[in-house]
Amino acid sequence: MLDGGKTFGSGKTRDMNDQRQVLVRAEARHVVVSDFDGDRETLTYPGVTLTRVIAGIPDERLWLPMGERPSEVDDEALIEALRAAFLWRIGLP
């Protein structure tokens, strides 16, 4: 009889949601731009990366900017992304 994906290796049972993880990591992105004279400059943008992991394998990644003076819109985007990721973690839409 099938158990809905709850049995693994040693015969122990575990809920499928236990295989889902959300990793939250502060990271910077670097962008190289050229000006009219051909000089290059590297711009660095701090942010937060949310990675959804299923059974140890990264599945989806989302990077959100995190500026020195975040706006309310920036804050709301981060809160919504965290909320969606955590709901995904527990198997809810």
C-alpha atoms as a PDB file:
ATOM      1  CA  MET A   1       0.000   0.000   0.000  1.00  0.00           C
ATOM      2  CA  LEU A   2       1.265   3.469  -0.847  1.00  0.00           C
ATOM      3  CA  ASP A   3       1.666   5.918   2.008  1.00  0.00           C
ATOM      4  CA  GLY A   4       1.544   9.236   0.141  1.00  0.00           C
ATOM      5  CA  GLY A   5       5.319   9.703   0.159  1.00  0.00           C
ATOM      6  CA  LYS A   6       5.770   9.454   3.933  1.00  0.00           C
ATOM      7  CA  THR A   7       8.154   6.478   4.129  1.00  0.00           C
ATOM      8  CA  PHE A   8      11.884   6.883   3.614  1.00  0.00           C
ATOM      9  CA  GLY A   9      15.142   4.936   3.916  1.00  0.00           C
ATOM     10  CA  SER A  10      15.087   3.348   7.356  1.00  0.00           C
ATOM     11  CA  GLY A  11      11.356   2.705   7.412  1.00  0.00           C
ATOM     12  CA  LYS A  12      10.645   5.802   9.478  1.00  0.00           C
ATOM     13  CA  THR A  13       7.784   7.955   8.352  1.00  0.00           C
ATOM     14  CA  ARG A  14       7.957  11.615   7.664  1.00  0.00           C
ATOM     15  CA  ASP A  15       5.579  14.139   6.247  1.00  0.00           C
ATOM     16  CA  MET A  16       6.290  15.302   2.693  1.00  0.00           C
ATOM     17  CA  ASN A  17       6.464  18.888   4.000  1.00  0.00           C
ATOM     18  CA  ASP A  18       9.554  17.954   6.045  1.00  0.00           C
ATOM     19  CA  GLN A  19      11.388  17.690   2.732  1.00  0.00           C
ATOM     20  CA  ARG A  20      10.674  21.347   1.970  1.00  0.00           C
ATOM     21  CA  GLN A  21      12.955  24.076   3.277  1.00  0.00           C
ATOM     22  CA  VAL A  22      13.148  27.810   2.831  1.00  0.00           C
ATOM     23  CA  LEU A  23      16.615  29.330   3.012  1.00  0.00           C
ATOM     24  CA  VAL A  24      16.929  33.063   3.727  1.00  0.00           C
ATOM     25  CA  ARG A  25      20.289  34.615   2.932  1.00  0.00           C
ATOM     26  CA  ALA A  26      21.633  38.177   2.752  1.00  0.00           C
ATOM     27  CA  GLU A  27      23.510  38.567  -0.539  1.00  0.00           C
ATOM     28  CA  ALA A  28      24.786  41.335  -2.754  1.00  0.00           C
ATOM     29  CA  ARG A  29      24.439  41.510  -6.519  1.00  0.00           C
ATOM     30  CA  HIS A  30      27.109  43.152  -8.597  1.00  0.00           C
ATOM     31  CA  VAL A  31      26.434  44.894 -11.915  1.00  0.00           C
ATOM     32  CA  VAL A  32      29.172  46.195 -14.197  1.00  0.00           C
ATOM     33  CA  VAL A  33      28.219  49.246 -16.272  1.00  0.00           C
ATOM     34  CA  SER A  34      30.142  51.228 -18.866  1.00  0.00           C
ATOM     35  CA  ASP A  35      29.922  54.976 -19.361  1.00  0.00           C
ATOM     36  CA  PHE A  36      30.302  56.955 -22.607  1.00  0.00           C
ATOM     37  CA  ASP A  37      34.107  56.972 -22.297  1.00  0.00           C
ATOM     38  CA  GLY A  38      34.244  53.189 -21.989  1.00  0.00           C
ATOM     39  CA  ASP A  39      35.151  53.291 -18.312  1.00  0.00           C
ATOM     40  CA  ARG A  40      33.611  50.487 -16.314  1.00  0.00           C
ATOM     41  CA  GLU A  41      32.152  50.740 -12.860  1.00  0.00           C
ATOM     42  CA  THR A  42      30.818  48.009 -10.608  1.00  0.00           C
ATOM     43  CA  LEU A  43      27.639  48.770  -8.706  1.00  0.00           C
ATOM     44  CA  THR A  44      26.714  46.630  -5.710  1.00  0.00           C
ATOM     45  CA  TYR A  45      23.150  46.103  -4.542  1.00  0.00           C
ATOM     46  CA  PRO A  46      22.477  44.398  -1.192  1.00  0.00           C
ATOM     47  CA  GLY A  47      19.488  42.112  -0.994  1.00  0.00           C
ATOM     48  CA  VAL A  48      17.875  38.985   0.370  1.00  0.00           C
ATOM     49  CA  THR A  49      17.694  35.681  -1.485  1.00  0.00           C
ATOM     50  CA  LEU A  50      14.893  33.250  -0.678  1.00  0.00           C
ATOM     51  CA  THR A  51      15.579  29.720  -1.906  1.00  0.00           C
ATOM     52  CA  ARG A  52      12.960  26.992  -1.889  1.00  0.00           C
ATOM     53  CA  VAL A  53      14.556  23.566  -1.446  1.00  0.00           C
ATOM     54  CA  ILE A  54      12.843  20.223  -2.004  1.00  0.00           C
ATOM     55  CA  ALA A  55      14.550  17.109  -0.624  1.00  0.00           C
ATOM     56  CA  GLY A  56      17.884  18.938  -0.498  1.00  0.00           C
ATOM     57  CA  ILE A  57      17.709  20.242  -4.089  1.00  0.00           C
ATOM     58  CA  PRO A  58      17.250  23.990  -4.727  1.00  0.00           C
ATOM     59  CA  ASP A  59      14.025  24.439  -6.676  1.00  0.00           C
ATOM     60  CA  GLU A  60      13.289  28.145  -6.903  1.00  0.00           C
ATOM     61  CA  ARG A  61      15.246  31.284  -6.036  1.00  0.00           C
ATOM     62  CA  LEU A  62      14.016  34.858  -5.528  1.00  0.00           C
ATOM     63  CA  TRP A  63      16.274  37.859  -4.891  1.00  0.00           C
ATOM     64  CA  LEU A  64      14.808  41.025  -3.371  1.00  0.00           C
ATOM     65  CA  PRO A  65      16.715  44.319  -3.122  1.00  0.00           C
ATOM     66  CA  MET A  66      17.427  45.726   0.315  1.00  0.00           C
ATOM     67  CA  GLY A  67      18.488  49.347   0.063  1.00  0.00           C
ATOM     68  CA  GLU A  68      19.914  51.722   2.647  1.00  0.00           C
ATOM     69  CA  ARG A  69      16.578  53.505   2.829  1.00  0.00           C
ATOM     70  CA  PRO A  70      13.937  50.906   2.048  1.00  0.00           C
ATOM     71  CA  SER A  71      10.499  52.120   1.151  1.00  0.00           C
ATOM     72  CA  GLU A  72       7.258  50.751   2.478  1.00  0.00           C
ATOM     73  CA  VAL A  73       6.815  49.068  -0.917  1.00  0.00           C
ATOM     74  CA  ASP A  74      10.197  47.296  -0.463  1.00  0.00           C
ATOM     75  CA  ASP A  75       9.202  46.148   3.022  1.00  0.00           C
ATOM     76  CA  GLU A  76       5.822  44.869   1.833  1.00  0.00           C
ATOM     77  CA  ALA A  77       7.443  42.954  -1.070  1.00  0.00           C
ATOM     78  CA  LEU A  78       9.816  41.216   1.349  1.00  0.00           C
ATOM     79  CA  ILE A  79       7.041  40.395   3.810  1.00  0.00           C
ATOM     80  CA  GLU A  80       4.847  38.956   1.035  1.00  0.00           C
ATOM     81  CA  ALA A  81       7.725  36.881  -0.389  1.00  0.00           C
ATOM     82  CA  LEU A  82       8.546  35.490   3.067  1.00  0.00           C
ATOM     83  CA  ARG A  83       4.888  34.730   3.727  1.00  0.00           C
ATOM     84  CA  ALA A  84       4.499  32.889   0.411  1.00  0.00           C
ATOM     85  CA  ALA A  85       7.715  30.911   0.962  1.00  0.00           C
ATOM     86  CA  PHE A  86       6.750  29.869   4.482  1.00  0.00           C
ATOM     87  CA  LEU A  87       3.248  28.842   3.396  1.00  0.00           C
ATOM     88  CA  TRP A  88       4.848  26.794   0.600  1.00  0.00           C
ATOM     89  CA  ARG A  89       7.091  25.193   3.247  1.00  0.00           C
ATOM     90  CA  ILE A  90       4.089  23.854   5.148  1.00  0.00           C
ATOM     91  CA  GLY A  91       2.268  22.785   1.986  1.00  0.00           C
ATOM     92  CA  LEU A  92      -0.293  25.560   1.730  1.00  0.00           C
ATOM     93  CA  PRO A  93      -0.942  27.674  -1.391  1.00  0.00           C
END
